[in-house]
N, C-alpha and C. Protein backbone atom coordinates (compact mmCIF):
# COMPACT_ATOMS: atom_id res chain seq x y z
N UNK A 1 -21.26 11.25 3.41
CA UNK A 1 -21.52 10.48 2.22
C UNK A 1 -21.34 9.00 2.52
N UNK A 2 -22.25 8.19 2.07
CA UNK A 2 -22.10 6.75 2.28
C UNK A 2 -21.03 6.17 1.37
N UNK A 3 -20.43 5.09 1.81
CA UNK A 3 -19.46 4.38 0.98
C UNK A 3 -20.25 3.59 -0.06
N UNK A 4 -19.90 3.78 -1.31
CA UNK A 4 -20.65 3.12 -2.39
C UNK A 4 -19.81 2.08 -3.13
N UNK A 5 -18.61 1.82 -2.64
CA UNK A 5 -17.75 0.82 -3.27
C UNK A 5 -16.79 0.26 -2.23
N UNK A 6 -16.07 -0.77 -2.60
CA UNK A 6 -15.13 -1.39 -1.68
C UNK A 6 -13.96 -0.49 -1.34
N UNK A 7 -13.37 -0.77 -0.20
CA UNK A 7 -12.17 -0.08 0.27
C UNK A 7 -11.20 -1.15 0.74
N UNK A 8 -9.94 -1.00 0.38
CA UNK A 8 -8.92 -1.95 0.83
C UNK A 8 -7.66 -1.19 1.23
N UNK A 9 -6.83 -1.87 2.02
CA UNK A 9 -5.61 -1.24 2.52
C UNK A 9 -4.47 -2.24 2.52
N UNK A 10 -3.28 -1.75 2.23
CA UNK A 10 -2.07 -2.57 2.27
C UNK A 10 -0.93 -1.77 2.87
N UNK A 11 0.08 -2.50 3.28
CA UNK A 11 1.33 -1.87 3.66
C UNK A 11 2.35 -2.19 2.58
N UNK A 12 3.25 -1.25 2.36
CA UNK A 12 4.37 -1.45 1.46
C UNK A 12 5.61 -0.90 2.13
N UNK A 13 6.75 -1.34 1.68
CA UNK A 13 7.97 -0.82 2.27
C UNK A 13 9.19 -1.21 1.47
N UNK A 14 10.32 -0.67 1.88
CA UNK A 14 11.59 -0.98 1.27
C UNK A 14 12.39 -1.79 2.28
N UNK A 15 12.70 -3.02 1.91
CA UNK A 15 13.49 -3.92 2.74
C UNK A 15 14.78 -4.23 1.97
N UNK A 16 15.91 -3.81 2.50
CA UNK A 16 17.17 -4.07 1.82
C UNK A 16 17.22 -3.54 0.40
N UNK A 17 16.58 -2.40 0.16
CA UNK A 17 16.57 -1.78 -1.16
C UNK A 17 15.51 -2.31 -2.11
N UNK A 18 14.69 -3.27 -1.65
CA UNK A 18 13.68 -3.90 -2.52
C UNK A 18 12.28 -3.50 -2.06
N UNK A 19 11.45 -2.92 -2.95
CA UNK A 19 10.06 -2.63 -2.60
C UNK A 19 9.30 -3.92 -2.35
N UNK A 20 8.55 -3.98 -1.25
CA UNK A 20 7.79 -5.18 -0.89
C UNK A 20 6.37 -4.80 -0.50
N UNK A 21 5.45 -5.71 -0.77
CA UNK A 21 4.03 -5.53 -0.50
C UNK A 21 3.62 -6.33 0.73
N UNK A 22 2.72 -5.77 1.52
CA UNK A 22 2.08 -6.45 2.65
C UNK A 22 3.11 -6.94 3.67
N UNK A 23 3.76 -5.98 4.29
CA UNK A 23 4.81 -6.29 5.25
C UNK A 23 4.26 -6.93 6.52
N UNK A 24 4.93 -7.98 6.97
CA UNK A 24 4.61 -8.54 8.27
C UNK A 24 5.34 -7.69 9.33
N UNK A 25 5.06 -7.95 10.59
CA UNK A 25 5.64 -7.14 11.67
C UNK A 25 7.17 -7.12 11.60
N UNK A 26 7.78 -8.27 11.42
CA UNK A 26 9.24 -8.36 11.40
C UNK A 26 9.83 -7.54 10.25
N UNK A 27 9.16 -7.54 9.09
CA UNK A 27 9.61 -6.73 7.97
C UNK A 27 9.38 -5.25 8.23
N UNK A 28 8.23 -4.92 8.78
CA UNK A 28 7.88 -3.53 9.02
C UNK A 28 8.88 -2.84 9.95
N UNK A 29 9.28 -3.52 11.00
CA UNK A 29 10.18 -2.87 11.98
C UNK A 29 11.61 -2.74 11.46
N UNK A 30 11.95 -3.45 10.38
CA UNK A 30 13.29 -3.33 9.81
C UNK A 30 13.29 -2.57 8.49
N UNK A 31 12.15 -2.09 8.05
CA UNK A 31 12.03 -1.42 6.75
C UNK A 31 12.79 -0.10 6.74
N UNK A 32 13.42 0.18 5.58
CA UNK A 32 14.06 1.48 5.39
C UNK A 32 13.00 2.56 5.23
N UNK A 33 11.92 2.20 4.59
CA UNK A 33 10.76 3.08 4.37
C UNK A 33 9.53 2.21 4.50
N UNK A 34 8.50 2.71 5.19
CA UNK A 34 7.25 1.96 5.21
C UNK A 34 6.09 2.90 4.97
N UNK A 35 5.03 2.34 4.39
CA UNK A 35 3.90 3.15 3.96
C UNK A 35 2.62 2.34 4.06
N UNK A 36 1.55 3.01 4.42
CA UNK A 36 0.21 2.42 4.39
C UNK A 36 -0.56 3.11 3.28
N UNK A 37 -1.25 2.32 2.49
CA UNK A 37 -2.02 2.85 1.37
C UNK A 37 -3.43 2.27 1.44
N UNK A 38 -4.42 3.15 1.39
CA UNK A 38 -5.83 2.76 1.41
C UNK A 38 -6.47 3.31 0.14
N UNK A 39 -7.13 2.42 -0.62
CA UNK A 39 -7.74 2.81 -1.89
C UNK A 39 -9.20 2.35 -1.97
N UNK A 40 -9.95 3.07 -2.76
CA UNK A 40 -11.30 2.63 -3.12
C UNK A 40 -11.17 1.60 -4.24
N UNK A 41 -12.25 0.89 -4.50
CA UNK A 41 -12.23 -0.16 -5.53
C UNK A 41 -11.88 0.38 -6.91
N UNK A 42 -12.19 1.65 -7.17
CA UNK A 42 -11.86 2.21 -8.48
C UNK A 42 -10.46 2.83 -8.54
N UNK A 43 -9.66 2.62 -7.48
CA UNK A 43 -8.26 3.02 -7.51
C UNK A 43 -7.93 4.39 -6.96
N UNK A 44 -8.91 5.08 -6.41
CA UNK A 44 -8.64 6.39 -5.81
C UNK A 44 -8.12 6.22 -4.39
N UNK A 45 -7.34 7.17 -3.94
CA UNK A 45 -6.73 7.09 -2.62
C UNK A 45 -7.66 7.61 -1.53
N UNK A 46 -7.73 6.88 -0.45
CA UNK A 46 -8.39 7.32 0.78
C UNK A 46 -7.34 7.85 1.74
N UNK A 47 -6.22 7.13 1.80
CA UNK A 47 -5.12 7.53 2.68
C UNK A 47 -3.79 7.05 2.13
N UNK A 48 -2.78 7.88 2.26
CA UNK A 48 -1.40 7.51 1.97
C UNK A 48 -0.59 8.06 3.13
N UNK A 49 0.09 7.16 3.82
CA UNK A 49 0.90 7.57 4.97
C UNK A 49 2.22 6.84 4.90
N UNK A 50 3.31 7.58 4.80
CA UNK A 50 4.60 6.93 4.66
C UNK A 50 5.68 7.63 5.48
N UNK A 51 6.69 6.84 5.84
CA UNK A 51 7.77 7.36 6.67
C UNK A 51 9.10 6.79 6.21
N UNK A 52 10.08 7.66 6.09
CA UNK A 52 11.46 7.22 5.88
C UNK A 52 12.02 6.93 7.27
N UNK A 53 12.32 5.68 7.52
CA UNK A 53 12.80 5.28 8.85
C UNK A 53 14.27 5.60 9.06
N UNK A 54 15.00 5.75 7.99
CA UNK A 54 16.43 6.06 8.08
C UNK A 54 16.73 7.24 7.18
N UNK A 55 17.17 6.92 5.97
CA UNK A 55 17.48 7.99 5.02
C UNK A 55 16.23 8.37 4.22
N UNK A 56 16.16 9.61 3.76
CA UNK A 56 15.02 10.05 2.95
C UNK A 56 14.93 9.26 1.64
N UNK A 57 13.72 9.21 1.08
CA UNK A 57 13.52 8.52 -0.19
C UNK A 57 13.13 9.53 -1.26
N UNK A 58 13.42 9.18 -2.51
CA UNK A 58 13.16 10.10 -3.61
C UNK A 58 11.80 9.85 -4.24
N UNK A 59 11.45 10.70 -5.19
CA UNK A 59 10.15 10.64 -5.85
C UNK A 59 9.96 9.34 -6.63
N UNK A 60 11.04 8.85 -7.25
CA UNK A 60 10.94 7.59 -8.00
C UNK A 60 10.57 6.44 -7.07
N UNK A 61 11.15 6.41 -5.89
CA UNK A 61 10.82 5.36 -4.92
C UNK A 61 9.39 5.53 -4.42
N UNK A 62 8.97 6.75 -4.19
CA UNK A 62 7.58 7.01 -3.79
C UNK A 62 6.62 6.49 -4.86
N UNK A 63 6.90 6.79 -6.11
CA UNK A 63 6.04 6.32 -7.20
C UNK A 63 6.02 4.79 -7.26
N UNK A 64 7.16 4.17 -7.05
CA UNK A 64 7.24 2.71 -7.04
C UNK A 64 6.39 2.12 -5.93
N UNK A 65 6.46 2.70 -4.74
CA UNK A 65 5.66 2.22 -3.61
C UNK A 65 4.17 2.46 -3.84
N UNK A 66 3.81 3.60 -4.41
CA UNK A 66 2.40 3.86 -4.72
C UNK A 66 1.88 2.87 -5.75
N UNK A 67 2.67 2.59 -6.78
CA UNK A 67 2.26 1.61 -7.79
C UNK A 67 2.07 0.23 -7.18
N UNK A 68 3.01 -0.18 -6.34
CA UNK A 68 2.93 -1.48 -5.69
C UNK A 68 1.70 -1.54 -4.78
N UNK A 69 1.47 -0.48 -4.01
CA UNK A 69 0.33 -0.45 -3.10
C UNK A 69 -1.01 -0.45 -3.82
N UNK A 70 -1.12 0.33 -4.89
CA UNK A 70 -2.39 0.35 -5.62
C UNK A 70 -2.64 -0.99 -6.31
N UNK A 71 -1.58 -1.64 -6.75
CA UNK A 71 -1.71 -2.98 -7.33
C UNK A 71 -2.25 -3.96 -6.28
N UNK A 72 -1.71 -3.91 -5.08
CA UNK A 72 -2.19 -4.77 -3.99
C UNK A 72 -3.63 -4.47 -3.63
N UNK A 73 -3.97 -3.20 -3.55
CA UNK A 73 -5.35 -2.82 -3.23
C UNK A 73 -6.31 -3.28 -4.33
N UNK A 74 -5.88 -3.19 -5.57
CA UNK A 74 -6.71 -3.64 -6.69
C UNK A 74 -7.00 -5.14 -6.59
N UNK A 75 -5.98 -5.90 -6.25
CA UNK A 75 -6.15 -7.36 -6.10
C UNK A 75 -7.12 -7.65 -4.95
N UNK A 76 -6.97 -6.94 -3.85
CA UNK A 76 -7.90 -7.12 -2.71
C UNK A 76 -9.33 -6.75 -3.10
N UNK A 77 -9.49 -5.69 -3.88
CA UNK A 77 -10.82 -5.28 -4.31
C UNK A 77 -11.48 -6.37 -5.15
N UNK A 78 -10.70 -7.02 -6.02
CA UNK A 78 -11.24 -8.11 -6.83
C UNK A 78 -11.68 -9.29 -5.94
N UNK A 79 -10.85 -9.62 -4.97
CA UNK A 79 -11.18 -10.71 -4.05
C UNK A 79 -12.40 -10.38 -3.19
N UNK A 80 -12.53 -9.13 -2.78
CA UNK A 80 -13.71 -8.72 -2.03
C UNK A 80 -14.96 -8.88 -2.87
N UNK A 81 -14.88 -8.48 -4.13
CA UNK A 81 -16.04 -8.58 -5.01
C UNK A 81 -16.44 -10.03 -5.22
N UNK A 82 -15.46 -10.90 -5.38
CA UNK A 82 -15.75 -12.33 -5.54
C UNK A 82 -16.42 -12.87 -4.28
N UNK A 83 -15.92 -12.50 -3.11
CA UNK A 83 -16.47 -12.97 -1.85
C UNK A 83 -17.91 -12.50 -1.63
N UNK A 84 -18.21 -11.31 -2.16
CA UNK A 84 -19.56 -10.76 -1.97
C UNK A 84 -20.54 -11.18 -3.05
N UNK A 85 -20.07 -11.83 -4.13
CA UNK A 85 -21.00 -12.23 -5.19
C UNK A 85 -21.73 -13.50 -4.82
């Protein structure tokens, strides 16, 4: 199937107990939890890949990271659309 809409990807993670969007390398290697999220422009998931680097994380934290990641992907989708108009 051909891609018929934009696709964007972000990283999210927990740094010192705080959910953060778009981790740089230094943040990623020190994250308690890190995750990659890829979404279509309409907000559906293409990929979700996450790892607890130390202690396991709970469902509430997973939901928080998914919300943060989809928010970042949504913003990227808007910017992509502006760039292509």
